[in-house]
Amino acid sequence: MKTILRSFAVVALSLTLLTGCEATRNANNKQKGAVIGAAGGAIIGAVIGNNVGSGNNSELGAVIGGVVGGSAGAIIGNKMDKQKQRIEEEIPGAEVERVDDGIVVNFDENSGVYFDTEKYNINAASQETLNGLAQVMMEYPQTNVLVVGHTDSSGSDSYNMTLSKNRAQAVTTYLVGRGLDAGRFTTQWYGETQPKYDNSTAEGRAKNRRVTLAIVPNQQMKEEAKKEAGEGQ
């Protein structure tokens, strides 16, 4: 009887674990973000891609910070809405999304910043796009920026990791060279390890060759918003 009961327990536990794993696989990015807490989980999902719950994402969470709620959150949201609108005005081809307290700007080969095959220099067309982004960021100094580089699955793991690092750093270096404070930037790279699209298709691979930026409120903006909302005491 004990053997039978133990067997039932094992089966029940297995079904529970299987159900939990299946739920995670089927979750969208915002749902996955809840797994790593309130520290910008949805933004991390938008910046990284399909594997938001894995890897060393706690560092990204610390950079992005927690979501501000209440009236202060509404004040921050209004400011970020205006910044998003300005980015769309300056860079019509960019993919710009408001996520939680931040803005996610995704650049792939079809949206403003792209690199020649196996290259990481900022070409003339990409410079024009980044000049527009730098202009907006000058207008909104109370934001920090996370720059993340990705590649498709072509080539070796180590080569792709280095390529994504070089491309992400090239974007950061260019923006800082336009007069933005280097202290506002954090640069990260993942090579081919965090695909957002299907690498088995040419279209998916092109989209995975991307640099994504998360623009988030800095501590000064948060404190001022809380003070304005009467929540700073």
C-alpha atoms as a PDB file:
ATOM      1  CA  MET A   1       0.000   0.000   0.000  1.00  0.00           C
ATOM      2  CA  LYS A   2       2.838   2.426   0.891  1.00  0.00           C
ATOM      3  CA  THR A   3       4.455   1.693  -2.462  1.00  0.00           C
ATOM      4  CA  ILE A   4       1.201   2.487  -4.268  1.00  0.00           C
ATOM      5  CA  LEU A   5       0.752   5.722  -2.314  1.00  0.00           C
ATOM      6  CA  ARG A   6       4.314   6.758  -3.058  1.00  0.00           C
ATOM      7  CA  SER A   7       3.697   6.090  -6.755  1.00  0.00           C
ATOM      8  CA  PHE A   8       0.588   8.241  -6.724  1.00  0.00           C
ATOM      9  CA  ALA A   9       2.541  11.035  -5.006  1.00  0.00           C
ATOM     10  CA  VAL A  10       5.295  10.902  -7.596  1.00  0.00           C
ATOM     11  CA  VAL A  11       2.767  11.042 -10.431  1.00  0.00           C
ATOM     12  CA  ALA A  12       0.947  13.983  -8.827  1.00  0.00           C
ATOM     13  CA  LEU A  13       4.184  15.886  -8.295  1.00  0.00           C
ATOM     14  CA  SER A  14       5.242  15.243 -11.884  1.00  0.00           C
ATOM     15  CA  LEU A  15       1.936  16.523 -13.212  1.00  0.00           C
ATOM     16  CA  THR A  16       2.249  19.655 -11.062  1.00  0.00           C
ATOM     17  CA  LEU A  17       5.754  20.375 -12.327  1.00  0.00           C
ATOM     18  CA  LEU A  18       4.738  19.674 -15.923  1.00  0.00           C
ATOM     19  CA  THR A  19       1.776  22.021 -15.655  1.00  0.00           C
ATOM     20  CA  GLY A  20       3.973  24.761 -14.191  1.00  0.00           C
ATOM     21  CA  CYS A  21       6.582  24.376 -16.938  1.00  0.00           C
ATOM     22  CA  GLU A  22       3.925  24.413 -19.644  1.00  0.00           C
ATOM     23  CA  ALA A  23       2.400  27.569 -18.182  1.00  0.00           C
ATOM     24  CA  THR A  24       5.802  29.265 -18.248  1.00  0.00           C
ATOM     25  CA  ARG A  25       6.420  28.235 -21.838  1.00  0.00           C
ATOM     26  CA  ASN A  26       3.046  29.586 -22.908  1.00  0.00           C
ATOM     27  CA  ALA A  27       3.298  32.839 -20.946  1.00  0.00           C
ATOM     28  CA  ASN A  28       3.788  36.070 -22.776  1.00  0.00           C
ATOM     29  CA  ASN A  29       6.661  38.413 -21.931  1.00  0.00           C
ATOM     30  CA  LYS A  30       4.736  40.404 -19.342  1.00  0.00           C
ATOM     31  CA  GLN A  31       3.611  37.232 -17.564  1.00  0.00           C
ATOM     32  CA  LYS A  32       7.168  35.902 -17.578  1.00  0.00           C
ATOM     33  CA  GLY A  33       8.339  39.195 -16.144  1.00  0.00           C
ATOM     34  CA  ALA A  34       6.344  38.515 -12.986  1.00  0.00           C
ATOM     35  CA  VAL A  35       8.657  35.578 -12.259  1.00  0.00           C
ATOM     36  CA  ILE A  36      11.579  37.920 -11.626  1.00  0.00           C
ATOM     37  CA  GLY A  37       9.609  40.367  -9.524  1.00  0.00           C
ATOM     38  CA  ALA A  38       8.442  43.924  -9.896  1.00  0.00           C
ATOM     39  CA  ALA A  39      11.856  45.249 -10.928  1.00  0.00           C
ATOM     40  CA  GLY A  40      10.967  46.072 -14.510  1.00  0.00           C
ATOM     41  CA  GLY A  41      10.112  42.513 -15.505  1.00  0.00           C
ATOM     42  CA  ALA A  42       8.002  43.504 -18.492  1.00  0.00           C
ATOM     43  CA  ILE A  43      10.723  45.818 -19.774  1.00  0.00           C
ATOM     44  CA  ILE A  44      13.316  43.084 -19.418  1.00  0.00           C
ATOM     45  CA  GLY A  45      11.060  40.800 -21.443  1.00  0.00           C
ATOM     46  CA  ALA A  46      10.775  43.391 -24.196  1.00  0.00           C
ATOM     47  CA  VAL A  47      14.529  44.042 -24.249  1.00  0.00           C
ATOM     48  CA  ILE A  48      15.745  40.454 -24.038  1.00  0.00           C
ATOM     49  CA  GLY A  49      13.132  38.340 -25.813  1.00  0.00           C
ATOM     50  CA  ASN A  50      11.965  34.818 -25.151  1.00  0.00           C
ATOM     51  CA  ASN A  51      14.120  33.880 -22.161  1.00  0.00           C
ATOM     52  CA  VAL A  52      13.373  36.624 -19.677  1.00  0.00           C
ATOM     53  CA  GLY A  53      13.197  34.190 -16.752  1.00  0.00           C
ATOM     54  CA  SER A  54      16.666  32.732 -17.314  1.00  0.00           C
ATOM     55  CA  GLY A  55      20.234  33.958 -16.970  1.00  0.00           C
ATOM     56  CA  ASN A  56      21.595  36.806 -14.899  1.00  0.00           C
ATOM     57  CA  ASN A  57      18.697  39.178 -15.303  1.00  0.00           C
ATOM     58  CA  SER A  58      18.863  40.500 -11.746  1.00  0.00           C
ATOM     59  CA  GLU A  59      21.492  43.006 -12.931  1.00  0.00           C
ATOM     60  CA  LEU A  60      19.106  44.308 -15.574  1.00  0.00           C
ATOM     61  CA  GLY A  61      16.353  44.526 -12.990  1.00  0.00           C
ATOM     62  CA  ALA A  62      18.581  46.677 -10.809  1.00  0.00           C
ATOM     63  CA  VAL A  63      19.310  49.014 -13.722  1.00  0.00           C
ATOM     64  CA  ILE A  64      15.672  49.336 -14.712  1.00  0.00           C
ATOM     65  CA  GLY A  65      14.329  49.567 -11.177  1.00  0.00           C
ATOM     66  CA  GLY A  66      10.875  48.881  -9.797  1.00  0.00           C
ATOM     67  CA  VAL A  67       7.646  50.159 -11.242  1.00  0.00           C
ATOM     68  CA  VAL A  68       6.357  53.330  -9.543  1.00  0.00           C
ATOM     69  CA  GLY A  69       2.657  53.209  -8.742  1.00  0.00           C
ATOM     70  CA  GLY A  70       0.032  55.682  -7.613  1.00  0.00           C
ATOM     71  CA  SER A  71      -0.030  59.351  -8.548  1.00  0.00           C
ATOM     72  CA  ALA A  72       3.763  59.476  -8.858  1.00  0.00           C
ATOM     73  CA  GLY A  73       3.611  56.675 -11.384  1.00  0.00           C
ATOM     74  CA  ALA A  74       1.032  58.608 -13.385  1.00  0.00           C
ATOM     75  CA  ILE A  75       3.291  61.686 -13.428  1.00  0.00           C
ATOM     76  CA  ILE A  76       6.229  59.606 -14.645  1.00  0.00           C
ATOM     77  CA  GLY A  77       4.022  57.899 -17.200  1.00  0.00           C
ATOM     78  CA  ASN A  78       2.963  61.233 -18.635  1.00  0.00           C
ATOM     79  CA  LYS A  79       6.584  62.321 -19.033  1.00  0.00           C
ATOM     80  CA  MET A  80       7.545  59.040 -20.672  1.00  0.00           C
ATOM     81  CA  ASP A  81       4.553  59.269 -23.023  1.00  0.00           C
ATOM     82  CA  LYS A  82       5.818  62.663 -24.193  1.00  0.00           C
ATOM     83  CA  GLN A  83       9.335  61.312 -24.654  1.00  0.00           C
ATOM     84  CA  LYS A  84       8.007  58.374 -26.674  1.00  0.00           C
ATOM     85  CA  GLN A  85       6.117  60.788 -28.915  1.00  0.00           C
ATOM     86  CA  ARG A  86       9.266  62.832 -29.481  1.00  0.00           C
ATOM     87  CA  ILE A  87      11.244  59.712 -30.410  1.00  0.00           C
ATOM     88  CA  GLU A  88       8.584  58.742 -32.940  1.00  0.00           C
ATOM     89  CA  GLU A  89       8.735  62.254 -34.400  1.00  0.00           C
ATOM     90  CA  GLU A  90      12.519  62.196 -34.709  1.00  0.00           C
ATOM     91  CA  ILE A  91      12.811  58.569 -35.854  1.00  0.00           C
ATOM     92  CA  PRO A  92       9.724  57.633 -37.897  1.00  0.00           C
ATOM     93  CA  GLY A  93      11.030  54.139 -38.715  1.00  0.00           C
ATOM     94  CA  ALA A  94      11.834  53.093 -35.169  1.00  0.00           C
ATOM     95  CA  GLU A  95       9.829  50.509 -33.257  1.00  0.00           C
ATOM     96  CA  VAL A  96       8.926  52.349 -30.047  1.00  0.00           C
ATOM     97  CA  GLU A  97       6.868  50.836 -27.221  1.00  0.00           C
ATOM     98  CA  ARG A  98       5.831  52.084 -23.789  1.00  0.00           C
ATOM     99  CA  VAL A  99       6.321  49.340 -21.201  1.00  0.00           C
ATOM    100  CA  ASP A 100       5.689  49.927 -17.487  1.00  0.00           C
ATOM    101  CA  ASP A 101       7.557  53.134 -16.531  1.00  0.00           C
ATOM    102  CA  GLY A 102       9.895  52.946 -19.508  1.00  0.00           C
ATOM    103  CA  ILE A 103      10.261  53.132 -23.266  1.00  0.00           C
ATOM    104  CA  VAL A 104      11.636  50.289 -25.362  1.00  0.00           C
ATOM    105  CA  VAL A 105      13.200  51.193 -28.720  1.00  0.00           C
ATOM    106  CA  ASN A 106      14.014  48.259 -30.955  1.00  0.00           C
ATOM    107  CA  PHE A 107      16.363  48.666 -33.914  1.00  0.00           C
ATOM    108  CA  ASP A 108      16.743  45.878 -36.449  1.00  0.00           C
ATOM    109  CA  GLU A 109      17.695  45.884 -40.125  1.00  0.00           C
ATOM    110  CA  ASN A 110      14.381  47.470 -41.075  1.00  0.00           C
ATOM    111  CA  SER A 111      14.001  50.119 -38.382  1.00  0.00           C
ATOM    112  CA  GLY A 112      16.765  52.646 -38.445  1.00  0.00           C
ATOM    113  CA  VAL A 113      19.987  51.270 -36.963  1.00  0.00           C
ATOM    114  CA  TYR A 114      21.615  48.348 -38.717  1.00  0.00           C
ATOM    115  CA  PHE A 115      25.051  46.944 -39.354  1.00  0.00           C
ATOM    116  CA  ASP A 116      26.712  45.512 -42.430  1.00  0.00           C
ATOM    117  CA  THR A 117      27.354  41.757 -42.331  1.00  0.00           C
ATOM    118  CA  GLU A 118      29.922  40.916 -39.643  1.00  0.00           C
ATOM    119  CA  LYS A 119      30.522  44.640 -39.016  1.00  0.00           C
ATOM    120  CA  TYR A 120      29.841  46.813 -35.995  1.00  0.00           C
ATOM    121  CA  ASN A 121      30.675  50.297 -37.194  1.00  0.00           C
ATOM    122  CA  ILE A 122      27.847  52.864 -37.171  1.00  0.00           C
ATOM    123  CA  ASN A 123      27.145  53.579 -40.840  1.00  0.00           C
ATOM    124  CA  ALA A 124      25.839  56.875 -42.234  1.00  0.00           C
ATOM    125  CA  ALA A 125      22.167  55.866 -42.218  1.00  0.00           C
ATOM    126  CA  SER A 126      22.389  54.625 -38.631  1.00  0.00           C
ATOM    127  CA  GLN A 127      24.163  57.813 -37.570  1.00  0.00           C
ATOM    128  CA  GLU A 128      21.200  59.863 -38.766  1.00  0.00           C
ATOM    129  CA  THR A 129      18.828  57.759 -36.685  1.00  0.00           C
ATOM    130  CA  LEU A 130      20.992  57.892 -33.573  1.00  0.00           C
ATOM    131  CA  ASN A 131      21.419  61.658 -33.964  1.00  0.00           C
ATOM    132  CA  GLY A 132      17.647  62.011 -33.700  1.00  0.00           C
ATOM    133  CA  LEU A 133      17.537  59.765 -30.642  1.00  0.00           C
ATOM    134  CA  ALA A 134      20.369  61.696 -28.981  1.00  0.00           C
ATOM    135  CA  GLN A 135      18.485  64.939 -29.540  1.00  0.00           C
ATOM    136  CA  VAL A 136      15.429  63.610 -27.700  1.00  0.00           C
ATOM    137  CA  MET A 137      17.531  62.236 -24.877  1.00  0.00           C
ATOM    138  CA  MET A 138      19.123  65.666 -24.470  1.00  0.00           C
ATOM    139  CA  GLU A 139      15.630  67.083 -23.992  1.00  0.00           C
ATOM    140  CA  TYR A 140      14.866  64.478 -21.304  1.00  0.00           C
ATOM    141  CA  PRO A 141      17.980  64.269 -19.096  1.00  0.00           C
ATOM    142  CA  GLN A 142      16.228  62.508 -16.212  1.00  0.00           C
ATOM    143  CA  THR A 143      16.321  59.114 -17.892  1.00  0.00           C
ATOM    144  CA  ASN A 144      18.832  56.285 -17.985  1.00  0.00           C
ATOM    145  CA  VAL A 145      19.422  53.960 -20.926  1.00  0.00           C
ATOM    146  CA  LEU A 146      20.051  50.235 -21.159  1.00  0.00           C
ATOM    147  CA  VAL A 147      21.581  49.239 -24.522  1.00  0.00           C
ATOM    148  CA  VAL A 148      21.377  45.536 -25.380  1.00  0.00           C
ATOM    149  CA  GLY A 149      22.906  43.758 -28.381  1.00  0.00           C
ATOM    150  CA  HIS A 150      21.707  40.529 -30.022  1.00  0.00           C
ATOM    151  CA  THR A 151      22.554  38.428 -33.085  1.00  0.00           C
ATOM    152  CA  ASP A 152      20.920  35.622 -35.019  1.00  0.00           C
ATOM    153  CA  SER A 153      22.104  32.008 -34.742  1.00  0.00           C
ATOM    154  CA  SER A 154      24.447  32.085 -37.744  1.00  0.00           C
ATOM    155  CA  GLY A 155      28.079  31.600 -36.763  1.00  0.00           C
ATOM    156  CA  SER A 156      29.647  30.276 -33.574  1.00  0.00           C
ATOM    157  CA  ASP A 157      28.404  31.120 -30.092  1.00  0.00           C
ATOM    158  CA  SER A 158      31.618  32.915 -29.148  1.00  0.00           C
ATOM    159  CA  TYR A 159      31.754  34.911 -32.382  1.00  0.00           C
ATOM    160  CA  ASN A 160      28.143  36.050 -32.000  1.00  0.00           C
ATOM    161  CA  MET A 161      28.677  37.023 -28.380  1.00  0.00           C
ATOM    162  CA  THR A 162      31.611  39.241 -29.337  1.00  0.00           C
ATOM    163  CA  LEU A 163      29.716  40.701 -32.299  1.00  0.00           C
ATOM    164  CA  SER A 164      26.701  41.613 -30.169  1.00  0.00           C
ATOM    165  CA  LYS A 165      29.026  43.168 -27.581  1.00  0.00           C
ATOM    166  CA  ASN A 166      30.793  45.264 -30.199  1.00  0.00           C
ATOM    167  CA  ARG A 167      27.541  46.445 -31.754  1.00  0.00           C
ATOM    168  CA  ALA A 168      25.922  47.377 -28.437  1.00  0.00           C
ATOM    169  CA  GLN A 169      29.051  49.203 -27.322  1.00  0.00           C
ATOM    170  CA  ALA A 170      29.246  50.987 -30.680  1.00  0.00           C
ATOM    171  CA  VAL A 171      25.735  52.371 -30.165  1.00  0.00           C
ATOM    172  CA  THR A 172      26.521  53.475 -26.611  1.00  0.00           C
ATOM    173  CA  THR A 173      29.820  55.044 -27.657  1.00  0.00           C
ATOM    174  CA  TYR A 174      28.162  56.924 -30.496  1.00  0.00           C
ATOM    175  CA  LEU A 175      25.411  58.348 -28.286  1.00  0.00           C
ATOM    176  CA  VAL A 176      27.907  59.406 -25.626  1.00  0.00           C
ATOM    177  CA  GLY A 177      29.940  61.014 -28.393  1.00  0.00           C
ATOM    178  CA  ARG A 178      26.909  63.146 -29.210  1.00  0.00           C
ATOM    179  CA  GLY A 179      27.212  64.770 -25.783  1.00  0.00           C
ATOM    180  CA  LEU A 180      25.116  62.489 -23.572  1.00  0.00           C
ATOM    181  CA  ASP A 181      26.390  61.652 -20.083  1.00  0.00           C
ATOM    182  CA  ALA A 182      28.104  58.250 -20.087  1.00  0.00           C
ATOM    183  CA  GLY A 183      26.748  57.662 -16.584  1.00  0.00           C
ATOM    184  CA  ARG A 184      23.251  57.333 -18.020  1.00  0.00           C
ATOM    185  CA  PHE A 185      24.181  54.210 -19.979  1.00  0.00           C
ATOM    186  CA  THR A 186      24.453  50.519 -19.167  1.00  0.00           C
ATOM    187  CA  THR A 187      25.505  48.217 -22.015  1.00  0.00           C
ATOM    188  CA  GLN A 188      24.710  44.490 -22.186  1.00  0.00           C
ATOM    189  CA  TRP A 189      24.959  41.812 -24.869  1.00  0.00           C
ATOM    190  CA  TYR A 190      23.658  38.289 -25.385  1.00  0.00           C
ATOM    191  CA  GLY A 191      24.875  37.059 -28.754  1.00  0.00           C
ATOM    192  CA  GLU A 192      22.463  34.473 -30.120  1.00  0.00           C
ATOM    193  CA  THR A 193      21.295  33.243 -26.692  1.00  0.00           C
ATOM    194  CA  GLN A 194      18.139  35.372 -26.393  1.00  0.00           C
ATOM    195  CA  PRO A 195      16.246  35.128 -29.689  1.00  0.00           C
ATOM    196  CA  LYS A 196      13.006  37.050 -29.959  1.00  0.00           C
ATOM    197  CA  TYR A 197      12.082  35.672 -33.378  1.00  0.00           C
ATOM    198  CA  ASP A 198      12.375  32.389 -35.267  1.00  0.00           C
ATOM    199  CA  ASN A 199      15.956  31.807 -36.420  1.00  0.00           C
ATOM    200  CA  SER A 200      14.828  29.163 -38.917  1.00  0.00           C
ATOM    201  CA  THR A 201      13.538  31.865 -41.285  1.00  0.00           C
ATOM    202  CA  ALA A 202      15.429  34.651 -43.059  1.00  0.00           C
ATOM    203  CA  GLU A 203      12.944  37.213 -41.734  1.00  0.00           C
ATOM    204  CA  GLY A 204      13.348  35.963 -38.171  1.00  0.00           C
ATOM    205  CA  ARG A 205      17.134  36.030 -38.374  1.00  0.00           C
ATOM    206  CA  ALA A 206      17.063  39.604 -39.699  1.00  0.00           C
ATOM    207  CA  LYS A 207      14.891  40.700 -36.748  1.00  0.00           C
ATOM    208  CA  ASN A 208      17.148  38.913 -34.271  1.00  0.00           C
ATOM    209  CA  ARG A 209      20.123  40.942 -35.490  1.00  0.00           C
ATOM    210  CA  ARG A 210      19.066  43.847 -33.327  1.00  0.00           C
ATOM    211  CA  VAL A 211      20.076  46.418 -30.760  1.00  0.00           C
ATOM    212  CA  THR A 212      17.378  47.290 -28.249  1.00  0.00           C
ATOM    213  CA  LEU A 213      17.273  50.248 -25.861  1.00  0.00           C
ATOM    214  CA  ALA A 214      15.279  50.576 -22.651  1.00  0.00           C
ATOM    215  CA  ILE A 215      14.852  54.196 -21.548  1.00  0.00           C
ATOM    216  CA  VAL A 216      13.823  54.405 -17.899  1.00  0.00           C
ATOM    217  CA  PRO A 217      13.298  57.180 -15.329  1.00  0.00           C
ATOM    218  CA  ASN A 218      16.297  57.868 -13.119  1.00  0.00           C
ATOM    219  CA  GLN A 219      16.126  58.251  -9.367  1.00  0.00           C
ATOM    220  CA  GLN A 220      15.823  62.037  -9.567  1.00  0.00           C
ATOM    221  CA  MET A 221      12.728  61.799 -11.760  1.00  0.00           C
ATOM    222  CA  LYS A 222      11.169  59.290  -9.385  1.00  0.00           C
ATOM    223  CA  GLU A 223      11.840  61.412  -6.322  1.00  0.00           C
ATOM    224  CA  GLU A 224      10.507  64.561  -7.961  1.00  0.00           C
ATOM    225  CA  ALA A 225       7.373  62.729  -9.114  1.00  0.00           C
ATOM    226  CA  LYS A 226       6.726  61.451  -5.579  1.00  0.00           C
ATOM    227  CA  LYS A 227       7.229  64.941  -4.173  1.00  0.00           C
ATOM    228  CA  GLU A 228       4.877  66.443  -6.760  1.00  0.00           C
ATOM    229  CA  ALA A 229       2.292  63.792  -5.942  1.00  0.00           C
ATOM    230  CA  GLY A 230       2.658  64.406  -2.188  1.00  0.00           C
ATOM    231  CA  GLU A 231       4.094  60.929  -1.673  1.00  0.00           C
ATOM    232  CA  GLY A 232       7.625  61.939  -0.749  1.00  0.00           C
ATOM    233  CA  GLN A 233       7.166  62.036   3.008  1.00  0.00           C
END
